[in-house]
Amino acid sequence: MPRFYCPVPLATGTPLDLPPDAARHVQVLRLQPGHAITLFNGTGGEWDACVTRMGRSDVQVAVGAHHAVEREAVRTVHLLAAISANERMDWLVEKAAELGAASITPLLAERSVLKLKGERAGKKLAHWRAVASAACEQCGRNRVPQIHDAQSLAEWLASEAGRAAPPDAPVRGTRLLLSLRPDAQRLAEAANGGAGPVTLLSGPEGGLTSTEEASALAAGFLPVTLGPRVLRAETAPLAVLAALTL
């Protein structure tokens, strides 16, 4: 059954005009009145729905029963991923959403090829959020990972150090840094036995600079290795996500 991300309040037994993106998707699939679909808004669970009207640019549905279905990973993983070149960042965001990342922070590393600021940064952020929501539509997740504003590692560390955690904030958990250091631990040894949340830091093509890596280590990140092969910047964090969440 087709699934659509619908980031608006949903209530059983009410008619709803779908938001533009969802309406456009329904029209692309050429669905007609009477077709059954599934809606989710990221707050938990999913809703049955039925298309009731197809306009030239709008779609109305009747919202049906809510199902408290969750398909989240057992372990919460927050990904700090240096921005990759070309389409590789899109691919990384898409696959990280499928693998269950709780949040993704695009990192403006010193060696990142793509530099973002101003209007371009805003457009890229909106694009990555759309990529993540589309991935959740496809894979069955009912909670879309939060895509944070792009920032440097120094900015992220400063915000974490100075942020007053709200009462319901998650425990900081384990911090892991993908590294080629000779003293890096194997992932299984550093992952704390599969318990508690993880913040995973992954660098760009060419890796983090020595200054960035030193800052991360000083902030409590543990260097980890995935073995003797050097994986691409977009492959390595996905390998760790798969190991931690599947």
Protein backbone atom coordinates (compact mmCIF):
# COMPACT_ATOMS: atom_id res chain seq x y z
CA MET A 1 0.00 0.00 0.00
CA PRO A 2 1.44 3.44 -0.89
CA ARG A 3 2.76 5.40 2.11
CA PHE A 4 2.95 9.18 2.34
CA TYR A 5 4.64 11.49 4.82
CA CYS A 6 2.08 14.07 5.90
CA PRO A 7 3.58 16.47 8.50
CA VAL A 8 0.25 17.82 9.78
CA PRO A 9 -2.10 16.77 12.63
CA LEU A 10 -3.98 13.60 11.71
CA ALA A 11 -7.23 12.44 13.33
CA THR A 12 -9.35 9.39 12.64
CA GLY A 13 -12.67 10.13 10.94
CA THR A 14 -11.76 13.52 9.48
CA PRO A 15 -11.33 14.72 5.90
CA LEU A 16 -7.92 16.10 5.00
CA ASP A 17 -6.46 18.07 2.12
CA LEU A 18 -3.02 16.56 1.65
CA PRO A 19 -0.01 18.91 1.83
CA PRO A 20 1.40 19.82 -1.62
CA ASP A 21 4.25 17.29 -1.64
CA ALA A 22 2.04 14.37 -0.64
CA ALA A 23 -0.70 15.46 -3.06
CA ARG A 24 1.79 15.65 -5.92
CA HIS A 25 3.04 12.16 -5.10
CA VAL A 26 -0.51 10.76 -5.12
CA GLN A 27 -1.10 12.36 -8.52
CA VAL A 28 2.17 11.02 -9.93
CA LEU A 29 1.05 7.52 -8.93
CA ARG A 30 -2.29 8.20 -10.66
CA LEU A 31 -4.32 7.07 -7.68
CA GLN A 32 -8.06 7.58 -7.87
CA PRO A 33 -10.94 8.05 -5.40
CA GLY A 34 -11.39 4.81 -3.48
CA HIS A 35 -7.70 3.92 -3.40
CA ALA A 36 -6.39 3.01 0.07
CA ILE A 37 -3.16 4.64 1.29
CA THR A 38 -1.17 4.96 4.51
CA LEU A 39 -0.25 8.27 6.14
CA PHE A 40 2.31 9.07 8.84
CA ASN A 41 3.29 12.43 10.30
CA GLY A 42 6.40 11.58 12.30
CA THR A 43 4.76 11.70 15.74
CA GLY A 44 4.36 7.95 15.97
CA GLY A 45 2.36 5.24 14.31
CA GLU A 46 0.49 5.42 11.01
CA TRP A 47 -3.05 6.00 9.75
CA ASP A 48 -5.20 4.25 7.20
CA ALA A 49 -6.67 6.66 4.67
CA CYS A 50 -8.71 6.61 1.50
CA VAL A 51 -8.57 9.00 -1.44
CA THR A 52 -11.94 10.77 -1.75
CA ARG A 53 -11.27 13.48 -4.31
CA MET A 54 -8.65 14.22 -6.95
CA GLY A 55 -8.36 17.83 -8.12
CA ARG A 56 -6.04 19.37 -10.67
CA SER A 57 -3.51 20.24 -7.98
CA ASP A 58 -5.09 19.03 -4.75
CA VAL A 59 -6.06 15.72 -3.20
CA GLN A 60 -8.52 15.06 -0.38
CA VAL A 61 -8.53 11.92 1.74
CA ALA A 62 -10.59 10.49 4.59
CA VAL A 63 -8.36 9.60 7.54
CA GLY A 64 -9.08 6.19 9.02
CA ALA A 65 -7.81 4.15 11.94
CA HIS A 66 -4.53 4.83 13.69
CA HIS A 67 -2.09 1.97 14.22
CA ALA A 68 0.59 2.31 16.90
CA VAL A 69 3.24 0.70 14.70
CA GLU A 70 6.89 1.58 15.20
CA ARG A 71 9.80 0.29 13.15
CA GLU A 72 12.63 2.16 14.85
CA ALA A 73 16.04 0.70 15.57
CA VAL A 74 16.57 -0.73 19.03
CA ARG A 75 19.60 1.54 19.47
CA THR A 76 19.50 5.29 18.96
CA VAL A 77 22.27 6.53 16.68
CA HIS A 78 22.93 10.20 15.92
CA LEU A 79 25.11 10.69 12.85
CA LEU A 80 27.57 13.57 12.39
CA ALA A 81 28.54 13.11 8.74
CA ALA A 82 30.94 15.34 6.86
CA ILE A 83 29.31 16.58 3.66
CA SER A 84 30.31 14.45 0.69
CA ALA A 85 30.74 15.66 -2.87
CA ASN A 86 28.18 15.54 -5.67
CA GLU A 87 25.22 13.17 -5.14
CA ARG A 88 26.96 11.09 -2.50
CA MET A 89 25.49 13.10 0.38
CA ASP A 90 21.97 12.48 -0.95
CA TRP A 91 22.75 8.77 -1.02
CA LEU A 92 24.17 8.89 2.51
CA VAL A 93 21.10 10.67 3.91
CA GLU A 94 18.74 8.27 2.14
CA LYS A 95 20.48 5.12 3.36
CA ALA A 96 21.03 6.48 6.89
CA ALA A 97 17.28 7.11 7.14
CA GLU A 98 16.56 3.58 5.94
CA LEU A 99 19.03 2.11 8.45
CA GLY A 100 17.38 3.92 11.35
CA ALA A 101 19.54 6.96 12.17
CA ALA A 102 17.71 9.09 14.75
CA SER A 103 19.27 12.32 13.48
CA ILE A 104 21.79 13.48 10.91
CA THR A 105 24.01 16.55 11.20
CA PRO A 106 25.72 17.53 7.90
CA LEU A 107 29.22 18.49 8.95
CA LEU A 108 31.18 21.29 7.28
CA ALA A 109 34.57 19.65 7.73
CA GLU A 110 37.77 21.45 6.77
CA ARG A 111 38.32 19.00 3.90
CA SER A 112 34.71 18.93 2.71
CA VAL A 113 34.56 19.64 -1.02
CA LEU A 114 31.07 21.15 -0.85
CA LYS A 115 30.92 24.43 1.06
CA LEU A 116 27.46 25.66 2.05
CA LYS A 117 26.24 29.02 3.27
CA GLY A 118 23.30 31.38 2.91
CA GLU A 119 20.49 30.55 0.52
CA ARG A 120 22.32 27.57 -0.94
CA ALA A 121 22.61 26.00 2.51
CA GLY A 122 18.89 26.43 3.10
CA LYS A 123 18.00 24.78 -0.21
CA LYS A 124 20.33 21.87 0.44
CA LEU A 125 18.89 21.35 3.92
CA ALA A 126 15.33 21.31 2.55
CA HIS A 127 16.44 18.85 -0.14
CA TRP A 128 18.05 16.48 2.37
CA ARG A 129 14.95 16.59 4.58
CA ALA A 130 12.84 15.63 1.57
CA VAL A 131 15.26 12.79 0.79
CA ALA A 132 14.95 11.50 4.37
CA SER A 133 11.14 11.64 4.40
CA ALA A 134 10.96 9.86 1.03
CA ALA A 135 13.25 7.13 2.40
CA CYS A 136 10.92 6.68 5.37
CA GLU A 137 7.93 6.40 3.03
CA GLN A 138 9.71 3.60 1.21
CA CYS A 139 11.18 1.64 4.13
CA GLY A 140 8.23 1.82 6.53
CA ARG A 141 9.62 4.11 9.23
CA ASN A 142 7.01 6.25 10.92
CA ARG A 143 9.51 8.69 12.44
CA VAL A 144 11.61 10.82 10.11
CA PRO A 145 15.18 11.46 11.32
CA GLN A 146 15.85 15.09 12.16
CA ILE A 147 18.25 16.73 9.71
CA HIS A 148 20.06 19.50 11.57
CA ASP A 149 21.55 22.65 10.06
CA ALA A 150 24.96 22.16 8.46
CA GLN A 151 27.73 23.25 10.83
CA SER A 152 31.40 22.81 11.55
CA LEU A 153 32.66 20.33 14.13
CA ALA A 154 33.81 23.23 16.30
CA GLU A 155 30.30 24.72 16.21
CA TRP A 156 28.73 21.38 17.11
CA LEU A 157 31.11 20.79 20.01
CA ALA A 158 30.58 24.34 21.31
CA SER A 159 26.79 24.00 21.15
CA GLU A 160 26.90 20.64 22.93
CA ALA A 161 29.18 22.00 25.65
CA GLY A 162 27.05 25.07 26.26
CA ARG A 163 23.60 23.56 25.78
CA ALA A 164 21.44 23.15 28.85
CA ALA A 165 19.78 19.79 28.33
CA PRO A 166 15.99 19.76 28.78
CA PRO A 167 14.55 17.32 31.36
CA ASP A 168 13.54 14.80 28.69
CA ALA A 169 16.85 14.92 26.79
CA PRO A 170 18.41 11.53 26.02
CA VAL A 171 21.48 10.35 27.87
CA ARG A 172 24.65 11.46 26.07
CA GLY A 173 25.77 7.88 25.58
CA THR A 174 28.77 6.64 23.62
CA ARG A 175 30.66 8.88 21.20
CA LEU A 176 32.45 7.13 18.36
CA LEU A 177 34.89 8.58 15.83
CA LEU A 178 35.72 6.70 12.63
CA SER A 179 39.50 6.94 12.51
CA LEU A 180 42.62 5.52 10.88
CA ARG A 181 44.62 5.96 14.09
CA PRO A 182 46.71 2.86 14.94
CA ASP A 183 45.20 2.78 18.44
CA ALA A 184 41.59 2.79 17.17
CA GLN A 185 39.41 0.07 18.68
CA ARG A 186 37.31 -2.36 16.74
CA LEU A 187 33.68 -1.25 16.60
CA ALA A 188 32.41 -4.22 18.60
CA GLU A 189 34.80 -3.39 21.44
CA ALA A 190 33.90 0.30 21.59
CA ALA A 191 30.12 0.04 21.13
CA ASN A 192 29.42 -0.51 24.84
CA GLY A 193 27.79 -3.88 24.41
CA GLY A 194 24.88 -2.57 22.37
CA ALA A 195 23.45 -0.44 25.18
CA GLY A 196 22.62 3.28 25.17
CA PRO A 197 22.59 5.93 22.45
CA VAL A 198 25.54 6.54 20.14
CA THR A 199 26.84 9.68 18.45
CA LEU A 200 28.87 8.69 15.41
CA LEU A 201 31.34 11.14 13.82
CA SER A 202 32.50 10.43 10.28
CA GLY A 203 34.83 12.57 8.18
CA PRO A 204 34.89 13.58 4.49
CA GLU A 205 36.99 12.33 1.60
CA GLY A 206 40.53 12.55 2.96
CA GLY A 207 39.32 12.30 6.55
CA LEU A 208 39.17 14.83 9.35
CA THR A 209 42.20 17.04 9.90
CA SER A 210 44.46 16.36 12.87
CA THR A 211 43.00 19.45 14.58
CA GLU A 212 39.41 18.27 14.10
CA GLU A 213 40.26 14.78 15.29
CA ALA A 214 42.07 16.09 18.37
CA SER A 215 39.04 18.24 19.24
CA ALA A 216 36.74 15.23 18.93
CA LEU A 217 38.98 13.08 21.12
CA ALA A 218 39.13 15.82 23.74
CA ALA A 219 35.32 15.89 23.74
CA GLY A 220 35.09 12.21 24.58
CA PHE A 221 34.89 10.55 21.17
CA LEU A 222 36.48 7.09 21.01
CA PRO A 223 38.42 6.26 17.81
CA VAL A 224 37.09 3.15 16.10
CA THR A 225 38.15 1.19 13.04
CA LEU A 226 36.23 -0.97 10.58
CA GLY A 227 39.27 -3.05 9.68
CA PRO A 228 42.23 -2.86 7.30
CA ARG A 229 40.32 -1.55 4.25
CA VAL A 230 39.75 2.19 3.75
CA LEU A 231 36.06 2.69 2.98
CA ARG A 232 34.62 5.66 1.12
CA ALA A 233 33.31 8.59 3.13
CA GLU A 234 29.70 7.65 2.38
CA THR A 235 30.21 3.91 2.95
CA ALA A 236 31.93 3.88 6.35
CA PRO A 237 29.17 5.52 8.45
CA LEU A 238 26.54 3.31 6.82
CA ALA A 239 28.54 0.21 7.73
CA VAL A 240 28.58 1.35 11.37
CA LEU A 241 24.84 2.16 11.29
CA ALA A 242 24.07 -1.29 9.94
CA ALA A 243 26.19 -2.92 12.63
CA LEU A 244 24.55 -0.91 15.42
CA THR A 245 20.92 -0.89 14.31
CA LEU A 246 20.18 -4.13 12.44
